[in-house]
Protein backbone atom coordinates (compact mmCIF):
# COMPACT_ATOMS: atom_id res chain seq x y z
CA MET A 1 0.00 0.00 0.00
CA VAL A 2 1.30 3.45 -0.94
CA ASN A 3 1.77 5.93 1.88
CA ILE A 4 0.29 9.33 1.01
CA LEU A 5 2.00 12.39 2.48
CA LEU A 6 0.19 15.71 2.11
CA VAL A 7 2.58 18.65 2.45
CA SER A 8 1.49 22.28 2.59
CA HIS A 9 1.86 25.77 3.90
CA TYR A 10 0.38 26.31 7.36
CA ASN A 11 -2.40 23.79 8.19
CA LEU A 12 -3.94 23.13 4.77
CA ALA A 13 -2.56 19.57 4.55
CA HIS A 14 -3.96 18.64 7.97
CA CYS A 15 -7.39 20.11 7.14
CA ILE A 16 -7.62 18.36 3.74
CA LYS A 17 -6.58 15.06 5.36
CA GLU A 18 -9.20 15.37 8.11
CA THR A 19 -11.88 16.37 5.59
CA ALA A 20 -11.02 13.38 3.39
CA PHE A 21 -11.29 11.14 6.47
CA LEU A 22 -14.83 12.43 7.07
CA ILE A 23 -15.74 11.24 3.58
CA VAL A 24 -13.80 7.95 3.19
CA GLY A 25 -12.94 7.07 6.77
CA GLU A 26 -9.63 7.32 8.59
CA ARG A 27 -6.66 5.64 6.91
CA LYS A 28 -3.34 4.73 8.48
CA ASN A 29 -1.45 5.31 5.23
CA VAL A 30 -2.36 9.02 4.94
CA HIS A 31 -0.17 11.60 6.67
CA SER A 32 0.27 15.37 6.66
CA ILE A 33 3.04 17.85 7.33
CA SER A 34 2.90 21.62 7.13
CA ILE A 35 5.39 24.42 7.27
CA GLU A 36 4.27 26.63 10.13
CA LYS A 37 4.11 30.45 9.98
CA ASP A 38 7.42 31.19 11.65
CA GLU A 39 9.20 27.91 10.94
CA GLY A 40 12.54 27.99 9.18
CA ILE A 41 13.22 25.92 6.07
CA GLU A 42 15.83 23.84 7.92
CA ILE A 43 13.32 22.65 10.51
CA PHE A 44 10.70 21.99 7.82
CA THR A 45 13.24 20.04 5.73
CA GLU A 46 14.10 17.84 8.72
CA LYS A 47 10.40 17.18 9.43
CA ILE A 48 9.78 15.92 5.89
CA LYS A 49 12.99 13.87 5.82
CA LYS A 50 12.16 12.24 9.16
CA LYS A 51 8.56 11.45 8.14
CA VAL A 52 9.59 9.81 4.85
CA GLU A 53 12.26 7.73 6.63
CA GLU A 54 9.61 6.68 9.16
CA LEU A 55 7.09 5.66 6.48
CA LYS A 56 9.40 3.56 4.30
CA GLY A 57 8.19 1.83 1.14
CA GLU A 58 6.43 3.65 -1.69
CA ILE A 59 5.33 7.19 -0.93
CA LEU A 60 3.23 9.69 -2.86
CA ILE A 61 3.93 13.24 -1.75
CA MET A 62 1.16 15.67 -2.67
CA THR A 63 2.02 19.34 -2.17
CA ASP A 64 -0.30 22.34 -2.12
CA MET A 65 1.31 24.22 -5.03
CA PHE A 66 4.21 24.01 -7.43
CA GLY A 67 7.06 26.39 -6.68
CA GLY A 68 6.27 26.82 -3.00
CA THR A 69 8.47 25.68 -0.14
CA PRO A 70 6.64 22.34 0.38
CA SER A 71 7.08 21.42 -3.29
CA ASN A 72 10.64 22.72 -3.54
CA VAL A 73 11.84 20.93 -0.41
CA SER A 74 10.14 17.68 -1.47
CA LEU A 75 11.81 17.84 -4.89
CA MET A 76 15.19 18.71 -3.38
CA LEU A 77 15.04 15.76 -0.97
CA PHE A 78 13.33 13.09 -3.06
CA GLY A 79 13.50 14.15 -6.72
CA ASN A 80 15.85 11.24 -7.50
CA ASN A 81 14.13 8.63 -5.31
CA SER A 82 12.11 6.19 -7.44
CA ASN A 83 10.07 5.07 -4.39
CA VAL A 84 8.79 8.61 -3.89
CA GLN A 85 6.54 10.32 -6.45
CA ILE A 86 5.64 14.00 -6.10
CA ILE A 87 2.51 15.81 -7.31
CA ALA A 88 2.14 19.56 -6.85
CA GLY A 89 -1.33 21.11 -6.60
CA PHE A 90 -3.58 18.87 -4.51
CA ASN A 91 -7.28 19.37 -3.89
CA LEU A 92 -9.90 17.35 -2.00
CA PRO A 93 -11.08 15.25 -4.99
CA LEU A 94 -7.49 14.26 -5.89
CA VAL A 95 -6.67 13.42 -2.29
CA ILE A 96 -9.77 11.21 -2.07
CA GLU A 97 -8.83 9.51 -5.37
CA SER A 98 -5.32 8.88 -4.05
CA ILE A 99 -6.70 7.30 -0.88
CA MET A 100 -9.22 5.12 -2.74
CA HIS A 101 -6.53 3.82 -5.12
CA SER A 102 -3.57 3.59 -2.74
CA ASP A 103 -3.35 -0.16 -3.36
CA MET A 104 -1.74 0.62 -6.75
CA ASN A 105 2.01 1.00 -7.10
CA VAL A 106 3.16 4.58 -6.57
CA LYS A 107 4.05 5.34 -10.20
CA ASP A 108 0.71 4.08 -11.52
CA LEU A 109 -1.13 5.98 -8.78
CA LYS A 110 0.70 9.20 -9.70
CA ASP A 111 -0.03 8.68 -13.41
CA MET A 112 -3.74 8.01 -12.73
CA LEU A 113 -4.05 11.16 -10.60
CA ILE A 114 -2.36 13.30 -13.26
CA GLN A 115 -4.89 12.00 -15.81
CA LYS A 116 -7.80 12.89 -13.49
CA LYS A 117 -6.57 16.39 -12.57
CA ASN A 118 -8.64 18.19 -15.20
CA LYS A 119 -11.81 16.59 -13.87
CA THR A 120 -11.36 17.89 -10.32
CA ILE A 121 -11.98 21.56 -11.09
CA ILE A 122 -15.12 22.23 -13.11
CA ASN A 123 -17.30 25.14 -14.15
CA ALA A 124 -20.35 24.20 -12.10
CA LYS A 125 -22.60 26.85 -13.65
CA GLU A 126 -21.75 25.62 -17.15
CA ILE A 127 -22.85 22.08 -16.26
CA PHE A 128 -26.24 23.29 -15.09
CA LYS A 129 -26.64 26.02 -17.73
CA GLY A 130 -30.11 25.91 -19.17
CA LYS A 131 -31.43 23.50 -16.53
CA GLY A 132 -34.14 24.59 -14.14
CA LYS A 133 -35.19 27.69 -16.12
């Protein structure tokens, strides 16, 4: 089973994880780490490194946004590690998909999530345009 590590600024990762648990139930393979407001990059780097060492096996890191500290640190630490895949730009639907399919190998899981990314943000008004007039 793939371990899923949500990594974000402030407490977004923790909140998304807890919200996903309300929908799909708590899972032992889903974890979260955040960089706190006044936390230095060195401390944050050590937190991520320690968590990944603790988890072992295949890990999917999902960060809040590309180019931010969570994404940059994850890439710096694990960009060359084939057991760790990294996706930048998570949202609740993608996190739920990752949890529901975490029995896949990590590369296939990452590839599947990338294919589904365009279906997780939709123009809701466009879907219902013309209905209910």
